[in-house]
Amino acid sequence: MRRTGRKKEWSIVLFCGGVLVLLPPILSLFDRSDLVFGLPVAYIFLFGFWALVIFAIAWGARKAPAAKTEFNAQTNLPPLDKNGGN
């Protein structure tokens, strides 16, 4: 599959943002001994960011809705009106 336009830009932005956030200087900001719900803050940040990236990938990879056409795709005929005629 070849990515073009916005999908290609979105993939590049997502990759660069993910790499920047996961660099040690950023991760060290969350490396504290504090616990949230019994888990270290670094774990919550890391897995939360991971879930956010997965959501962004799914959102960016979705297909655009198909354009509505005047013709039926299987029969290549115009749709019938409510009374059954053309």
N, C-alpha and C. Protein backbone atom coordinates (compact mmCIF):
# COMPACT_ATOMS: atom_id res chain seq x y z
N MET A 1 0.84 -1.17 0.00
CA MET A 1 0.00 0.00 0.00
C MET A 1 0.89 1.24 0.00
N ARG A 2 0.61 2.11 -0.87
CA ARG A 2 1.38 3.33 -0.98
C ARG A 2 0.65 4.46 -0.27
N ARG A 3 1.34 5.13 0.63
CA ARG A 3 0.72 6.23 1.37
C ARG A 3 0.95 7.53 0.63
N THR A 4 -0.09 8.31 0.53
CA THR A 4 0.02 9.60 -0.13
C THR A 4 -0.67 10.66 0.70
N GLY A 5 -0.32 11.89 0.46
CA GLY A 5 -1.01 13.02 1.05
C GLY A 5 -0.99 13.04 2.56
N ARG A 6 -2.16 13.20 3.15
CA ARG A 6 -2.29 13.36 4.60
C ARG A 6 -1.85 12.12 5.37
N LYS A 7 -2.11 10.93 4.84
CA LYS A 7 -1.71 9.72 5.56
C LYS A 7 -0.20 9.63 5.67
N LYS A 8 0.49 10.02 4.62
CA LYS A 8 1.94 9.99 4.65
C LYS A 8 2.45 11.01 5.67
N GLU A 9 1.89 12.21 5.66
CA GLU A 9 2.29 13.24 6.63
C GLU A 9 1.98 12.79 8.04
N TRP A 10 0.80 12.20 8.25
CA TRP A 10 0.41 11.74 9.57
C TRP A 10 1.36 10.66 10.08
N SER A 11 1.78 9.75 9.22
CA SER A 11 2.70 8.69 9.62
C SER A 11 4.04 9.27 10.05
N ILE A 12 4.53 10.25 9.32
CA ILE A 12 5.82 10.86 9.65
C ILE A 12 5.73 11.63 10.97
N VAL A 13 4.66 12.39 11.16
CA VAL A 13 4.48 13.15 12.40
C VAL A 13 4.36 12.20 13.60
N LEU A 14 3.61 11.13 13.44
CA LEU A 14 3.43 10.17 14.52
C LEU A 14 4.75 9.50 14.88
N PHE A 15 5.52 9.13 13.89
CA PHE A 15 6.81 8.49 14.16
C PHE A 15 7.76 9.45 14.87
N CYS A 16 7.89 10.66 14.35
CA CYS A 16 8.81 11.64 14.96
C CYS A 16 8.37 12.01 16.37
N GLY A 17 7.08 12.20 16.57
CA GLY A 17 6.58 12.52 17.91
C GLY A 17 6.82 11.38 18.88
N GLY A 18 6.60 10.16 18.44
CA GLY A 18 6.85 9.00 19.29
C GLY A 18 8.30 8.86 19.68
N VAL A 19 9.18 9.08 18.74
CA VAL A 19 10.61 8.98 19.03
C VAL A 19 11.03 10.06 20.01
N LEU A 20 10.55 11.28 19.81
CA LEU A 20 10.93 12.38 20.70
C LEU A 20 10.43 12.17 22.12
N VAL A 21 9.21 11.69 22.27
CA VAL A 21 8.65 11.50 23.61
C VAL A 21 9.32 10.35 24.34
N LEU A 22 9.79 9.36 23.63
CA LEU A 22 10.40 8.21 24.28
C LEU A 22 11.91 8.34 24.46
N LEU A 23 12.47 9.50 24.20
CA LEU A 23 13.89 9.73 24.47
C LEU A 23 14.13 9.82 25.98
N PRO A 24 15.30 9.41 26.43
CA PRO A 24 15.59 9.41 27.88
C PRO A 24 15.35 10.75 28.59
N PRO A 25 15.66 11.91 28.02
CA PRO A 25 15.39 13.14 28.79
C PRO A 25 13.91 13.33 29.12
N ILE A 26 13.03 12.94 28.22
CA ILE A 26 11.60 13.07 28.48
C ILE A 26 11.14 11.99 29.47
N LEU A 27 11.61 10.77 29.26
CA LEU A 27 11.23 9.68 30.17
C LEU A 27 11.73 9.93 31.59
N SER A 28 12.88 10.57 31.72
CA SER A 28 13.43 10.81 33.05
C SER A 28 12.58 11.82 33.84
N LEU A 29 11.78 12.63 33.17
CA LEU A 29 10.89 13.54 33.88
C LEU A 29 9.85 12.78 34.70
N PHE A 30 9.51 11.58 34.27
CA PHE A 30 8.49 10.79 34.94
C PHE A 30 9.06 9.69 35.82
N ASP A 31 10.38 9.61 35.93
CA ASP A 31 11.04 8.58 36.73
C ASP A 31 11.12 9.03 38.18
N ARG A 32 10.00 8.87 38.87
CA ARG A 32 9.92 9.26 40.29
C ARG A 32 9.45 8.06 41.10
N SER A 33 9.60 8.17 42.39
CA SER A 33 9.18 7.07 43.25
C SER A 33 7.71 7.16 43.63
N ASP A 34 6.99 8.15 43.12
CA ASP A 34 5.56 8.29 43.41
C ASP A 34 4.77 7.16 42.76
N LEU A 35 3.70 6.77 43.44
CA LEU A 35 2.83 5.72 42.90
C LEU A 35 1.45 6.29 42.63
N VAL A 36 0.86 5.90 41.52
CA VAL A 36 -0.52 6.25 41.18
C VAL A 36 -1.25 4.93 40.96
N PHE A 37 -2.27 4.68 41.76
CA PHE A 37 -3.00 3.40 41.73
C PHE A 37 -2.06 2.22 41.94
N GLY A 38 -1.02 2.42 42.71
CA GLY A 38 -0.07 1.36 43.01
C GLY A 38 0.97 1.11 41.93
N LEU A 39 1.01 1.94 40.91
CA LEU A 39 1.97 1.78 39.81
C LEU A 39 2.88 3.01 39.75
N PRO A 40 4.14 2.81 39.36
CA PRO A 40 5.03 3.96 39.21
C PRO A 40 4.54 4.89 38.10
N VAL A 41 4.81 6.18 38.27
CA VAL A 41 4.37 7.19 37.30
C VAL A 41 4.97 6.92 35.92
N ALA A 42 6.20 6.44 35.88
CA ALA A 42 6.85 6.16 34.59
C ALA A 42 6.09 5.10 33.81
N TYR A 43 5.58 4.07 34.49
CA TYR A 43 4.83 3.02 33.82
C TYR A 43 3.53 3.57 33.25
N ILE A 44 2.85 4.38 34.04
CA ILE A 44 1.59 4.95 33.58
C ILE A 44 1.83 5.84 32.37
N PHE A 45 2.88 6.66 32.41
CA PHE A 45 3.20 7.51 31.26
C PHE A 45 3.54 6.66 30.04
N LEU A 46 4.40 5.68 30.21
CA LEU A 46 4.86 4.86 29.09
C LEU A 46 3.71 4.10 28.44
N PHE A 47 2.90 3.41 29.24
CA PHE A 47 1.80 2.63 28.67
C PHE A 47 0.66 3.52 28.21
N GLY A 48 0.46 4.65 28.87
CA GLY A 48 -0.55 5.60 28.40
C GLY A 48 -0.18 6.19 27.06
N PHE A 49 1.08 6.54 26.90
CA PHE A 49 1.55 7.07 25.61
C PHE A 49 1.48 6.01 24.53
N TRP A 50 1.81 4.79 24.89
CA TRP A 50 1.73 3.67 23.95
C TRP A 50 0.29 3.49 23.46
N ALA A 51 -0.67 3.53 24.38
CA ALA A 51 -2.08 3.41 24.01
C ALA A 51 -2.50 4.58 23.11
N LEU A 52 -2.01 5.77 23.41
CA LEU A 52 -2.32 6.94 22.59
C LEU A 52 -1.77 6.78 21.17
N VAL A 53 -0.57 6.24 21.04
CA VAL A 53 0.02 6.01 19.72
C VAL A 53 -0.79 4.96 18.95
N ILE A 54 -1.23 3.92 19.61
CA ILE A 54 -2.03 2.89 18.95
C ILE A 54 -3.34 3.49 18.47
N PHE A 55 -3.98 4.31 19.31
CA PHE A 55 -5.21 4.98 18.91
C PHE A 55 -4.97 5.90 17.71
N ALA A 56 -3.86 6.64 17.72
CA ALA A 56 -3.55 7.55 16.62
C ALA A 56 -3.29 6.78 15.32
N ILE A 57 -2.64 5.64 15.42
CA ILE A 57 -2.40 4.81 14.23
C ILE A 57 -3.73 4.32 13.66
N ALA A 58 -4.61 3.86 14.53
CA ALA A 58 -5.92 3.38 14.07
C ALA A 58 -6.72 4.51 13.45
N TRP A 59 -6.67 5.68 14.05
CA TRP A 59 -7.41 6.83 13.54
C TRP A 59 -6.84 7.28 12.19
N GLY A 60 -5.52 7.29 12.05
CA GLY A 60 -4.88 7.71 10.81
C GLY A 60 -5.01 6.70 9.69
N ALA A 61 -5.20 5.43 10.03
CA ALA A 61 -5.25 4.39 9.01
C ALA A 61 -6.66 4.10 8.52
N ARG A 62 -7.66 4.73 9.12
CA ARG A 62 -9.03 4.43 8.71
C ARG A 62 -9.27 4.90 7.28
N LYS A 63 -10.19 4.23 6.63
CA LYS A 63 -10.53 4.58 5.26
C LYS A 63 -11.49 5.76 5.26
N ALA A 64 -11.37 6.56 4.24
CA ALA A 64 -12.31 7.67 4.07
C ALA A 64 -13.65 7.09 3.65
N PRO A 65 -14.74 7.70 4.09
CA PRO A 65 -16.05 7.17 3.67
C PRO A 65 -16.21 7.25 2.15
N ALA A 66 -16.84 6.22 1.61
CA ALA A 66 -17.04 6.16 0.16
C ALA A 66 -18.01 7.26 -0.26
N ALA A 67 -17.75 7.83 -1.39
CA ALA A 67 -18.63 8.88 -1.91
C ALA A 67 -19.94 8.26 -2.37
N LYS A 68 -21.03 8.94 -2.11
CA LYS A 68 -22.33 8.45 -2.55
C LYS A 68 -22.44 8.63 -4.06
N THR A 69 -22.92 7.59 -4.71
CA THR A 69 -23.07 7.66 -6.16
C THR A 69 -24.53 7.54 -6.54
N GLU A 70 -24.83 7.87 -7.74
CA GLU A 70 -26.19 7.79 -8.26
C GLU A 70 -26.53 6.38 -8.74
N PHE A 71 -25.52 5.51 -8.85
CA PHE A 71 -25.75 4.20 -9.42
C PHE A 71 -25.48 3.11 -8.40
N ASN A 72 -26.20 1.99 -8.56
CA ASN A 72 -25.98 0.82 -7.74
C ASN A 72 -24.66 0.18 -8.18
N ALA A 73 -23.79 -0.14 -7.25
CA ALA A 73 -22.46 -0.64 -7.59
C ALA A 73 -22.51 -2.02 -8.24
N GLN A 74 -23.51 -2.86 -7.90
CA GLN A 74 -23.55 -4.22 -8.44
C GLN A 74 -24.19 -4.26 -9.83
N THR A 75 -25.28 -3.55 -10.02
CA THR A 75 -25.98 -3.64 -11.30
C THR A 75 -25.65 -2.50 -12.24
N ASN A 76 -25.02 -1.47 -11.73
CA ASN A 76 -24.66 -0.29 -12.51
C ASN A 76 -25.89 0.42 -13.07
N LEU A 77 -27.02 0.29 -12.34
CA LEU A 77 -28.26 0.94 -12.73
C LEU A 77 -28.60 2.01 -11.70
N PRO A 78 -29.34 3.02 -12.12
CA PRO A 78 -29.76 4.03 -11.14
C PRO A 78 -30.70 3.40 -10.11
N PRO A 79 -30.71 3.92 -8.88
CA PRO A 79 -31.58 3.35 -7.86
C PRO A 79 -33.05 3.62 -8.19
N LEU A 80 -33.90 2.71 -7.72
CA LEU A 80 -35.34 2.85 -7.94
C LEU A 80 -35.90 3.84 -6.95
N ASP A 81 -36.95 4.54 -7.36
CA ASP A 81 -37.59 5.45 -6.41
C ASP A 81 -38.48 4.65 -5.46
N LYS A 82 -39.15 5.30 -4.54
CA LYS A 82 -39.94 4.63 -3.51
C LYS A 82 -41.10 3.83 -4.08
N ASN A 83 -41.61 4.20 -5.25
CA ASN A 83 -42.74 3.50 -5.84
C ASN A 83 -42.33 2.32 -6.70
N GLY A 84 -41.06 2.06 -6.82
CA GLY A 84 -40.59 0.92 -7.59
C GLY A 84 -40.28 1.25 -9.04
N GLY A 85 -40.52 2.44 -9.47
CA GLY A 85 -40.25 2.82 -10.85
C GLY A 85 -38.99 3.67 -10.94
N ASN A 86 -38.67 4.12 -12.14
CA ASN A 86 -37.49 4.96 -12.32
C ASN A 86 -37.81 6.37 -12.15
